[in-house]
Amino acid sequence: MNEDQKPTEPAGAPMLGAGLAIGVAIGVAIGVAMDNIALGIPIGMAIGLAFGAAFQARKPGAGEGDDESAGRAGDE
C-alpha cells in the first residue's frame, strides 16, 4: 500500500469512541454508587454513545447564518 492509499477513518469515529470511553467511566461510577456495576456499565455506554453522536453531528459554525452557499440571488 502506497502512502497515498492510506485507509481513512470516518470523520466522527473519534467522537463516538471518546463518548463511549467517557460513558463507560461514568457508568462504572453509577454502578458503584448503585452497587450494581453490571447495570451501570450499559447505562454509561448509552449515555456516552448519545453524547458522542451529538458531538459528531454538531458542526462548527452551524446555525450562525454565515453560510455563503445559501441561496444568494444571481449567484448561479
C-alpha atoms as a PDB file:
ATOM      1  CA  MET A   1       0.000   0.000   0.000  1.00  0.00           C
ATOM      2  CA  ASN A   2       1.412   3.359  -1.018  1.00  0.00           C
ATOM      3  CA  GLU A   3       1.432   6.408   1.233  1.00  0.00           C
ATOM      4  CA  ASP A   4      -1.268   7.927  -0.963  1.00  0.00           C
ATOM      5  CA  GLN A   5      -3.554   4.955  -0.289  1.00  0.00           C
ATOM      6  CA  LYS A   6      -3.801   5.214   3.486  1.00  0.00           C
ATOM      7  CA  PRO A   7      -7.085   3.932   4.853  1.00  0.00           C
ATOM      8  CA  THR A   8      -9.283   6.722   6.089  1.00  0.00           C
ATOM      9  CA  GLU A   9     -11.479   6.556   9.131  1.00  0.00           C
ATOM     10  CA  PRO A  10     -14.902   8.149   9.305  1.00  0.00           C
ATOM     11  CA  ALA A  11     -14.822  11.756  10.477  1.00  0.00           C
ATOM     12  CA  GLY A  12     -16.936  11.083  13.541  1.00  0.00           C
ATOM     13  CA  ALA A  13     -15.177   7.951  14.746  1.00  0.00           C
ATOM     14  CA  PRO A  14     -13.017   9.745  17.336  1.00  0.00           C
ATOM     15  CA  MET A  15     -16.067  11.428  18.858  1.00  0.00           C
ATOM     16  CA  LEU A  16     -18.007   8.193  19.153  1.00  0.00           C
ATOM     17  CA  GLY A  17     -15.010   6.449  20.671  1.00  0.00           C
ATOM     18  CA  ALA A  18     -14.369   9.249  23.132  1.00  0.00           C
ATOM     19  CA  GLY A  19     -18.041   9.359  24.079  1.00  0.00           C
ATOM     20  CA  LEU A  20     -18.074   5.619  24.610  1.00  0.00           C
ATOM     21  CA  ALA A  21     -14.955   5.694  26.790  1.00  0.00           C
ATOM     22  CA  ILE A  22     -16.249   8.560  28.917  1.00  0.00           C
ATOM     23  CA  GLY A  23     -19.652   6.897  29.126  1.00  0.00           C
ATOM     24  CA  VAL A  24     -18.176   3.626  30.381  1.00  0.00           C
ATOM     25  CA  ALA A  25     -16.278   5.534  33.061  1.00  0.00           C
ATOM     26  CA  ILE A  26     -19.467   7.333  34.084  1.00  0.00           C
ATOM     27  CA  GLY A  27     -21.340   4.033  34.000  1.00  0.00           C
ATOM     28  CA  VAL A  28     -18.832   2.392  36.317  1.00  0.00           C
ATOM     29  CA  ALA A  29     -19.243   5.293  38.738  1.00  0.00           C
ATOM     30  CA  ILE A  30     -23.039   4.972  38.535  1.00  0.00           C
ATOM     31  CA  GLY A  31     -22.756   1.222  39.002  1.00  0.00           C
ATOM     32  CA  VAL A  32     -20.562   1.575  42.076  1.00  0.00           C
ATOM     33  CA  ALA A  33     -22.938   4.157  43.543  1.00  0.00           C
ATOM     34  CA  MET A  34     -25.928   1.855  42.938  1.00  0.00           C
ATOM     35  CA  ASP A  35     -23.924  -1.218  43.994  1.00  0.00           C
ATOM     36  CA  ASN A  36     -24.714  -2.814  40.628  1.00  0.00           C
ATOM     37  CA  ILE A  37     -21.848  -2.413  38.145  1.00  0.00           C
ATOM     38  CA  ALA A  38     -23.482  -4.797  35.672  1.00  0.00           C
ATOM     39  CA  LEU A  39     -26.334  -2.313  35.267  1.00  0.00           C
ATOM     40  CA  GLY A  40     -24.211   0.846  35.432  1.00  0.00           C
ATOM     41  CA  ILE A  41     -21.910  -0.008  32.529  1.00  0.00           C
ATOM     42  CA  PRO A  42     -24.677  -0.329  29.886  1.00  0.00           C
ATOM     43  CA  ILE A  43     -26.300   2.844  31.210  1.00  0.00           C
ATOM     44  CA  GLY A  44     -22.973   4.657  30.852  1.00  0.00           C
ATOM     45  CA  MET A  45     -22.431   3.219  27.380  1.00  0.00           C
ATOM     46  CA  ALA A  46     -25.824   4.515  26.272  1.00  0.00           C
ATOM     47  CA  ILE A  47     -25.102   7.951  27.733  1.00  0.00           C
ATOM     48  CA  GLY A  48     -21.643   8.021  26.151  1.00  0.00           C
ATOM     49  CA  LEU A  49     -22.839   6.976  22.710  1.00  0.00           C
ATOM     50  CA  ALA A  50     -25.602   9.567  22.838  1.00  0.00           C
ATOM     51  CA  PHE A  51     -23.135  12.327  23.689  1.00  0.00           C
ATOM     52  CA  GLY A  52     -20.627  11.055  21.106  1.00  0.00           C
ATOM     53  CA  ALA A  53     -23.276  11.081  18.392  1.00  0.00           C
ATOM     54  CA  ALA A  54     -24.377  14.565  19.427  1.00  0.00           C
ATOM     55  CA  PHE A  55     -20.811  15.886  19.252  1.00  0.00           C
ATOM     56  CA  GLN A  56     -20.303  14.162  15.907  1.00  0.00           C
ATOM     57  CA  ALA A  57     -23.450  15.716  14.433  1.00  0.00           C
ATOM     58  CA  ARG A  58     -22.563  19.185  15.663  1.00  0.00           C
ATOM     59  CA  LYS A  59     -20.701  21.129  13.020  1.00  0.00           C
ATOM     60  CA  PRO A  60     -18.564  24.193  13.713  1.00  0.00           C
ATOM     61  CA  GLY A  61     -20.424  27.373  12.870  1.00  0.00           C
ATOM     62  CA  ALA A  62     -23.762  25.669  12.361  1.00  0.00           C
ATOM     63  CA  GLY A  63     -26.685  27.985  12.889  1.00  0.00           C
ATOM     64  CA  GLU A  64     -24.692  31.208  12.790  1.00  0.00           C
ATOM     65  CA  GLY A  65     -26.079  32.278   9.422  1.00  0.00           C
ATOM     66  CA  ASP A  66     -22.730  32.846   7.746  1.00  0.00           C
ATOM     67  CA  ASP A  67     -23.076  30.098   5.161  1.00  0.00           C
ATOM     68  CA  GLU A  68     -22.017  31.636   1.857  1.00  0.00           C
ATOM     69  CA  SER A  69     -23.575  28.925  -0.296  1.00  0.00           C
ATOM     70  CA  ALA A  70     -27.104  29.528   0.979  1.00  0.00           C
ATOM     71  CA  GLY A  71     -29.221  30.801  -1.931  1.00  0.00           C
ATOM     72  CA  ARG A  72     -27.981  34.188  -2.960  1.00  0.00           C
ATOM     73  CA  ALA A  73     -29.959  35.735  -5.764  1.00  0.00           C
ATOM     74  CA  GLY A  74     -27.967  35.932  -9.006  1.00  0.00           C
ATOM     75  CA  ASP A  75     -25.031  33.739  -7.928  1.00  0.00           C
ATOM     76  CA  GLU A  76     -25.879  30.762 -10.100  1.00  0.00           C
END
